[in-house]
Amino acid sequence: MPIHDFRCNACGQQFELLVRSSSVPACPHCASTALDKLVSLTAPQGTSQAIIASGRRAAAREGHFSNYSRAERAKLK
């Protein structure tokens, strides 16, 4: 069941809905079924140095170093 973004043609509200393939989505504000399906924005991949460093600190706290390269793991020992 994917989450889709919609815009209601009747009231202009924009919202997300979890939609089954067999159901007809309706606006949660006005119950209209006249909806436009929008293209959802994707989350950017975490490549900034701060995000990577944060992930490594969390991995170290949890006791695993799988997100370090083999050369970096050798330096930690």
C-alpha atoms as a PDB file:
ATOM      1  CA  MET A   1       0.000   0.000   0.000  1.00  0.00           C
ATOM      2  CA  PRO A   2       1.902   3.025  -1.209  1.00  0.00           C
ATOM      3  CA  ILE A   3       1.529   6.567   0.082  1.00  0.00           C
ATOM      4  CA  HIS A   4       0.573   9.030  -2.650  1.00  0.00           C
ATOM      5  CA  ASP A   5       0.360  12.822  -2.717  1.00  0.00           C
ATOM      6  CA  PHE A   6      -2.902  14.306  -3.949  1.00  0.00           C
ATOM      7  CA  ARG A   7      -4.450  17.726  -4.590  1.00  0.00           C
ATOM      8  CA  CYS A   8      -8.206  18.073  -4.301  1.00  0.00           C
ATOM      9  CA  ASN A   9      -9.838  19.811  -7.264  1.00  0.00           C
ATOM     10  CA  ALA A  10     -12.844  20.841  -5.146  1.00  0.00           C
ATOM     11  CA  CYS A  11     -11.177  22.514  -2.139  1.00  0.00           C
ATOM     12  CA  GLY A  12      -7.541  22.853  -3.259  1.00  0.00           C
ATOM     13  CA  GLN A  13      -6.071  21.030  -0.251  1.00  0.00           C
ATOM     14  CA  GLN A  14      -2.876  19.050  -0.738  1.00  0.00           C
ATOM     15  CA  PHE A  15      -2.401  15.851   1.302  1.00  0.00           C
ATOM     16  CA  GLU A  16      -0.918  12.346   1.447  1.00  0.00           C
ATOM     17  CA  LEU A  17      -2.966   9.150   1.547  1.00  0.00           C
ATOM     18  CA  LEU A  18      -2.178   5.491   1.992  1.00  0.00           C
ATOM     19  CA  VAL A  19      -4.073   3.995  -0.945  1.00  0.00           C
ATOM     20  CA  ARG A  20      -4.903   0.391  -1.758  1.00  0.00           C
ATOM     21  CA  SER A  21      -5.156  -0.506  -5.425  1.00  0.00           C
ATOM     22  CA  SER A  22      -8.829  -1.478  -5.038  1.00  0.00           C
ATOM     23  CA  SER A  23      -9.966   1.701  -3.227  1.00  0.00           C
ATOM     24  CA  VAL A  24     -10.945   5.124  -4.542  1.00  0.00           C
ATOM     25  CA  PRO A  25      -9.167   7.902  -2.632  1.00  0.00           C
ATOM     26  CA  ALA A  26     -11.203  10.782  -1.224  1.00  0.00           C
ATOM     27  CA  CYS A  27     -10.207  14.164   0.166  1.00  0.00           C
ATOM     28  CA  PRO A  28     -10.052  14.072   3.990  1.00  0.00           C
ATOM     29  CA  HIS A  29     -11.217  17.737   4.113  1.00  0.00           C
ATOM     30  CA  CYS A  30     -14.278  17.719   1.833  1.00  0.00           C
ATOM     31  CA  ALA A  31     -14.693  14.017   0.858  1.00  0.00           C
ATOM     32  CA  SER A  32     -14.446  14.801  -2.865  1.00  0.00           C
ATOM     33  CA  THR A  33     -13.060  12.078  -5.123  1.00  0.00           C
ATOM     34  CA  ALA A  34     -11.981  14.564  -7.810  1.00  0.00           C
ATOM     35  CA  LEU A  35      -8.255  14.416  -7.038  1.00  0.00           C
ATOM     36  CA  ASP A  36      -5.052  15.025  -8.959  1.00  0.00           C
ATOM     37  CA  LYS A  37      -2.231  12.625  -8.157  1.00  0.00           C
ATOM     38  CA  LEU A  38       0.988  14.573  -7.613  1.00  0.00           C
ATOM     39  CA  VAL A  39       4.585  13.534  -8.117  1.00  0.00           C
ATOM     40  CA  SER A  40       6.051  12.897  -4.666  1.00  0.00           C
ATOM     41  CA  LEU A  41       9.318  14.509  -3.684  1.00  0.00           C
ATOM     42  CA  THR A  42      12.054  12.062  -2.858  1.00  0.00           C
ATOM     43  CA  ALA A  43      14.278  12.389   0.168  1.00  0.00           C
ATOM     44  CA  PRO A  44      17.856  13.255  -0.796  1.00  0.00           C
ATOM     45  CA  GLN A  45      20.441  10.589  -0.165  1.00  0.00           C
ATOM     46  CA  GLY A  46      22.504  11.333   2.954  1.00  0.00           C
ATOM     47  CA  THR A  47      25.902  12.233   1.590  1.00  0.00           C
ATOM     48  CA  SER A  48      26.883  15.242   3.636  1.00  0.00           C
ATOM     49  CA  GLN A  49      29.850  14.779   5.941  1.00  0.00           C
ATOM     50  CA  ALA A  50      27.762  15.611   9.017  1.00  0.00           C
ATOM     51  CA  ILE A  51      25.217  12.883   8.222  1.00  0.00           C
ATOM     52  CA  ILE A  52      27.964  10.328   7.580  1.00  0.00           C
ATOM     53  CA  ALA A  53      29.767  11.256  10.807  1.00  0.00           C
ATOM     54  CA  SER A  54      26.530  11.011  12.769  1.00  0.00           C
ATOM     55  CA  GLY A  55      25.865   7.531  11.355  1.00  0.00           C
ATOM     56  CA  ARG A  56      29.363   6.405  12.251  1.00  0.00           C
ATOM     57  CA  ARG A  57      29.029   7.670  15.817  1.00  0.00           C
ATOM     58  CA  ALA A  58      25.719   5.823  16.179  1.00  0.00           C
ATOM     59  CA  ALA A  59      27.281   2.626  14.792  1.00  0.00           C
ATOM     60  CA  ALA A  60      30.198   2.908  17.201  1.00  0.00           C
ATOM     61  CA  ARG A  61      27.807   3.343  20.162  1.00  0.00           C
ATOM     62  CA  GLU A  62      25.944   0.228  19.058  1.00  0.00           C
ATOM     63  CA  GLY A  63      29.190  -1.729  18.758  1.00  0.00           C
ATOM     64  CA  HIS A  64      29.397  -2.338  15.029  1.00  0.00           C
ATOM     65  CA  PHE A  65      31.628  -0.748  12.451  1.00  0.00           C
ATOM     66  CA  SER A  66      30.086  -2.062   9.231  1.00  0.00           C
ATOM     67  CA  ASN A  67      29.748   1.410   7.747  1.00  0.00           C
ATOM     68  CA  TYR A  68      33.528   2.003   7.913  1.00  0.00           C
ATOM     69  CA  SER A  69      35.783   0.934   5.055  1.00  0.00           C
ATOM     70  CA  ARG A  70      38.258  -1.899   5.628  1.00  0.00           C
ATOM     71  CA  ALA A  71      41.163   0.603   5.803  1.00  0.00           C
ATOM     72  CA  GLU A  72      39.311   2.775   8.336  1.00  0.00           C
ATOM     73  CA  ARG A  73      38.499  -0.261  10.517  1.00  0.00           C
ATOM     74  CA  ALA A  74      42.195  -1.197  10.574  1.00  0.00           C
ATOM     75  CA  LYS A  75      43.041   2.259  11.970  1.00  0.00           C
ATOM     76  CA  LEU A  76      40.491   1.882  14.776  1.00  0.00           C
ATOM     77  CA  LYS A  77      42.109  -1.252  16.218  1.00  0.00           C
END
